[in-house]
Amino acid sequence: FSNTLISNSIENWIVGTIDDVEPGLVRVADNVENIEIIKY
């Protein structure tokens, strides 16, 4: 997955949700169905 992003010139990326229980953590849910990519 990361190689696909890098090959499309998207080198810095984050996937997941911000954890309210443990601030600062980004987790990838087990039931991810859609991934939205925003290129800045």
PDB file of N, CA and C in Angstrom:
ATOM      1  N   PHE A   1       0.833  -1.210   0.000  1.00  0.00           N
ATOM      2  CA  PHE A   1       0.000   0.000   0.000  1.00  0.00           C
ATOM      3  C   PHE A   1       0.861   1.251   0.000  1.00  0.00           C
ATOM      4  N   SER A   2       1.856   1.268   0.886  1.00  0.00           N
ATOM      5  CA  SER A   2       2.727   2.446   0.944  1.00  0.00           C
ATOM      6  C   SER A   2       3.502   2.621  -0.345  1.00  0.00           C
ATOM      7  N   ASN A   3       3.897   1.510  -0.969  1.00  0.00           N
ATOM      8  CA  ASN A   3       4.615   1.603  -2.242  1.00  0.00           C
ATOM      9  C   ASN A   3       3.733   2.194  -3.332  1.00  0.00           C
ATOM     10  N   THR A   4       2.441   1.854  -3.302  1.00  0.00           N
ATOM     11  CA  THR A   4       1.500   2.418  -4.276  1.00  0.00           C
ATOM     12  C   THR A   4       1.409   3.923  -4.116  1.00  0.00           C
ATOM     13  N   LEU A   5       1.345   4.399  -2.880  1.00  0.00           N
ATOM     14  CA  LEU A   5       1.274   5.840  -2.641  1.00  0.00           C
ATOM     15  C   LEU A   5       2.556   6.522  -3.087  1.00  0.00           C
ATOM     16  N   ILE A   6       3.686   5.940  -2.730  1.00  0.00           N
ATOM     17  CA  ILE A   6       4.966   6.542  -3.091  1.00  0.00           C
ATOM     18  C   ILE A   6       5.127   6.597  -4.604  1.00  0.00           C
ATOM     19  N   SER A   7       4.672   5.556  -5.301  1.00  0.00           N
ATOM     20  CA  SER A   7       4.804   5.534  -6.758  1.00  0.00           C
ATOM     21  C   SER A   7       3.912   6.566  -7.425  1.00  0.00           C
ATOM     22  N   ASN A   8       2.924   7.070  -6.667  1.00  0.00           N
ATOM     23  CA  ASN A   8       2.052   8.123  -7.182  1.00  0.00           C
ATOM     24  C   ASN A   8       2.437   9.484  -6.625  1.00  0.00           C
ATOM     25  N   SER A   9       3.683   9.603  -6.184  1.00  0.00           N
ATOM     26  CA  SER A   9       4.241  10.855  -5.668  1.00  0.00           C
ATOM     27  C   SER A   9       3.547  11.336  -4.406  1.00  0.00           C
ATOM     28  N   ILE A  10       2.994  10.413  -3.639  1.00  0.00           N
ATOM     29  CA  ILE A  10       2.423  10.751  -2.336  1.00  0.00           C
ATOM     30  C   ILE A  10       3.332  10.106  -1.300  1.00  0.00           C
ATOM     31  N   GLU A  11       4.284  10.894  -0.793  1.00  0.00           N
ATOM     32  CA  GLU A  11       5.312  10.329   0.070  1.00  0.00           C
ATOM     33  C   GLU A  11       4.963  10.425   1.553  1.00  0.00           C
ATOM     34  N   ASN A  12       4.244  11.468   1.935  1.00  0.00           N
ATOM     35  CA  ASN A  12       3.880  11.646   3.338  1.00  0.00           C
ATOM     36  C   ASN A  12       2.390  11.382   3.483  1.00  0.00           C
ATOM     37  N   TRP A  13       2.045  10.348   4.250  1.00  0.00           N
ATOM     38  CA  TRP A  13       0.639   9.993   4.343  1.00  0.00           C
ATOM     39  C   TRP A  13       0.334   9.422   5.718  1.00  0.00           C
ATOM     40  N   ILE A  14      -0.918   9.559   6.099  1.00  0.00           N
ATOM     41  CA  ILE A  14      -1.393   9.028   7.376  1.00  0.00           C
ATOM     42  C   ILE A  14      -2.725   8.343   7.106  1.00  0.00           C
ATOM     43  N   VAL A  15      -2.915   7.159   7.648  1.00  0.00           N
ATOM     44  CA  VAL A  15      -4.197   6.478   7.528  1.00  0.00           C
ATOM     45  C   VAL A  15      -4.637   6.082   8.930  1.00  0.00           C
ATOM     46  N   GLY A  16      -5.933   6.253   9.210  1.00  0.00           N
ATOM     47  CA  GLY A  16      -6.436   5.860  10.514  1.00  0.00           C
ATOM     48  C   GLY A  16      -7.284   6.945  11.144  1.00  0.00           C
ATOM     49  N   THR A  17      -7.527   6.787  12.434  1.00  0.00           N
ATOM     50  CA  THR A  17      -8.336   7.745  13.164  1.00  0.00           C
ATOM     51  C   THR A  17      -7.573   8.181  14.406  1.00  0.00           C
ATOM     52  N   ILE A  18      -7.871   9.383  14.877  1.00  0.00           N
ATOM     53  CA  ILE A  18      -7.234   9.871  16.096  1.00  0.00           C
ATOM     54  C   ILE A  18      -7.906   9.199  17.293  1.00  0.00           C
ATOM     55  N   ASP A  19      -7.111   8.643  18.159  1.00  0.00           N
ATOM     56  CA  ASP A  19      -7.609   7.905  19.314  1.00  0.00           C
ATOM     57  C   ASP A  19      -7.921   8.868  20.460  1.00  0.00           C
ATOM     58  N   ASP A  20      -9.187   8.901  20.886  1.00  0.00           N
ATOM     59  CA  ASP A  20      -9.586   9.780  21.987  1.00  0.00           C
ATOM     60  C   ASP A  20      -9.126   9.243  23.338  1.00  0.00           C
ATOM     61  N   VAL A  21      -8.972   7.928  23.425  1.00  0.00           N
ATOM     62  CA  VAL A  21      -8.578   7.323  24.691  1.00  0.00           C
ATOM     63  C   VAL A  21      -7.099   7.570  24.971  1.00  0.00           C
ATOM     64  N   GLU A  22      -6.283   7.382  23.951  1.00  0.00           N
ATOM     65  CA  GLU A  22      -4.849   7.625  24.085  1.00  0.00           C
ATOM     66  C   GLU A  22      -4.448   8.676  23.066  1.00  0.00           C
ATOM     67  N   PRO A  23      -4.483   9.956  23.470  1.00  0.00           N
ATOM     68  CA  PRO A  23      -4.196  11.050  22.542  1.00  0.00           C
ATOM     69  C   PRO A  23      -2.845  10.877  21.863  1.00  0.00           C
ATOM     70  N   GLY A  24      -2.819  11.212  20.600  1.00  0.00           N
ATOM     71  CA  GLY A  24      -1.569  11.145  19.867  1.00  0.00           C
ATOM     72  C   GLY A  24      -1.407   9.889  19.040  1.00  0.00           C
ATOM     73  N   LEU A  25      -2.233   8.892  19.317  1.00  0.00           N
ATOM     74  CA  LEU A  25      -2.116   7.649  18.565  1.00  0.00           C
ATOM     75  C   LEU A  25      -2.993   7.684  17.328  1.00  0.00           C
ATOM     76  N   VAL A  26      -2.467   7.155  16.250  1.00  0.00           N
ATOM     77  CA  VAL A  26      -3.260   6.995  15.036  1.00  0.00           C
ATOM     78  C   VAL A  26      -3.359   5.505  14.769  1.00  0.00           C
ATOM     79  N   ARG A  27      -4.590   5.013  14.696  1.00  0.00           N
ATOM     80  CA  ARG A  27      -4.781   3.580  14.521  1.00  0.00           C
ATOM     81  C   ARG A  27      -5.540   3.305  13.231  1.00  0.00           C
ATOM     82  N   VAL A  28      -5.273   2.146  12.656  1.00  0.00           N
ATOM     83  CA  VAL A  28      -6.008   1.712  11.471  1.00  0.00           C
ATOM     84  C   VAL A  28      -7.067   0.723  11.943  1.00  0.00           C
ATOM     85  N   ALA A  29      -8.326   1.036  11.665  1.00  0.00           N
ATOM     86  CA  ALA A  29      -9.418   0.180  12.106  1.00  0.00           C
ATOM     87  C   ALA A  29      -9.407  -1.147  11.347  1.00  0.00           C
ATOM     88  N   ASP A  30      -9.954  -2.180  11.982  1.00  0.00           N
ATOM     89  CA  ASP A  30     -10.004  -3.497  11.345  1.00  0.00           C
ATOM     90  C   ASP A  30     -10.999  -3.531  10.192  1.00  0.00           C
ATOM     91  N   ASN A  31     -11.998  -2.647  10.249  1.00  0.00           N
ATOM     92  CA  ASN A  31     -13.070  -2.696   9.254  1.00  0.00           C
ATOM     93  C   ASN A  31     -13.010  -1.525   8.277  1.00  0.00           C
ATOM     94  N   VAL A  32     -11.800  -1.135   7.898  1.00  0.00           N
ATOM     95  CA  VAL A  32     -11.651  -0.033   6.955  1.00  0.00           C
ATOM     96  C   VAL A  32     -12.196  -0.450   5.595  1.00  0.00           C
ATOM     97  N   GLU A  33     -13.137   0.332   5.073  1.00  0.00           N
ATOM     98  CA  GLU A  33     -13.718   0.023   3.769  1.00  0.00           C
ATOM     99  C   GLU A  33     -13.294   1.036   2.721  1.00  0.00           C
ATOM    100  N   ASN A  34     -13.117   2.275   3.137  1.00  0.00           N
ATOM    101  CA  ASN A  34     -12.759   3.325   2.200  1.00  0.00           C
ATOM    102  C   ASN A  34     -11.539   4.072   2.699  1.00  0.00           C
ATOM    103  N   ILE A  35     -10.655   4.373   1.782  1.00  0.00           N
ATOM    104  CA  ILE A  35      -9.479   5.167   2.114  1.00  0.00           C
ATOM    105  C   ILE A  35      -9.512   6.420   1.262  1.00  0.00           C
ATOM    106  N   GLU A  36      -9.514   7.570   1.910  1.00  0.00           N
ATOM    107  CA  GLU A  36      -9.539   8.843   1.196  1.00  0.00           C
ATOM    108  C   GLU A  36      -8.130   9.409   1.173  1.00  0.00           C
ATOM    109  N   ILE A  37      -7.681   9.756  -0.016  1.00  0.00           N
ATOM    110  CA  ILE A  37      -6.339  10.311  -0.166  1.00  0.00           C
ATOM    111  C   ILE A  37      -6.453  11.771  -0.574  1.00  0.00           C
ATOM    112  N   ILE A  38      -5.868  12.643   0.231  1.00  0.00           N
ATOM    113  CA  ILE A  38      -5.857  14.072  -0.077  1.00  0.00           C
ATOM    114  C   ILE A  38      -4.410  14.477  -0.281  1.00  0.00           C
ATOM    115  N   LYS A  39      -4.099  14.976  -1.443  1.00  0.00           N
ATOM    116  CA  LYS A  39      -2.727  15.379  -1.742  1.00  0.00           C
ATOM    117  C   LYS A  39      -2.622  16.888  -1.599  1.00  0.00           C
ATOM    118  N   TYR A  40      -1.665  17.331  -0.777  1.00  0.00           N
ATOM    119  CA  TYR A  40      -1.471  18.754  -0.545  1.00  0.00           C
ATOM    120  C   TYR A  40      -0.399  19.282  -1.450  1.00  0.00           C
TER     121      TYR A  40
END
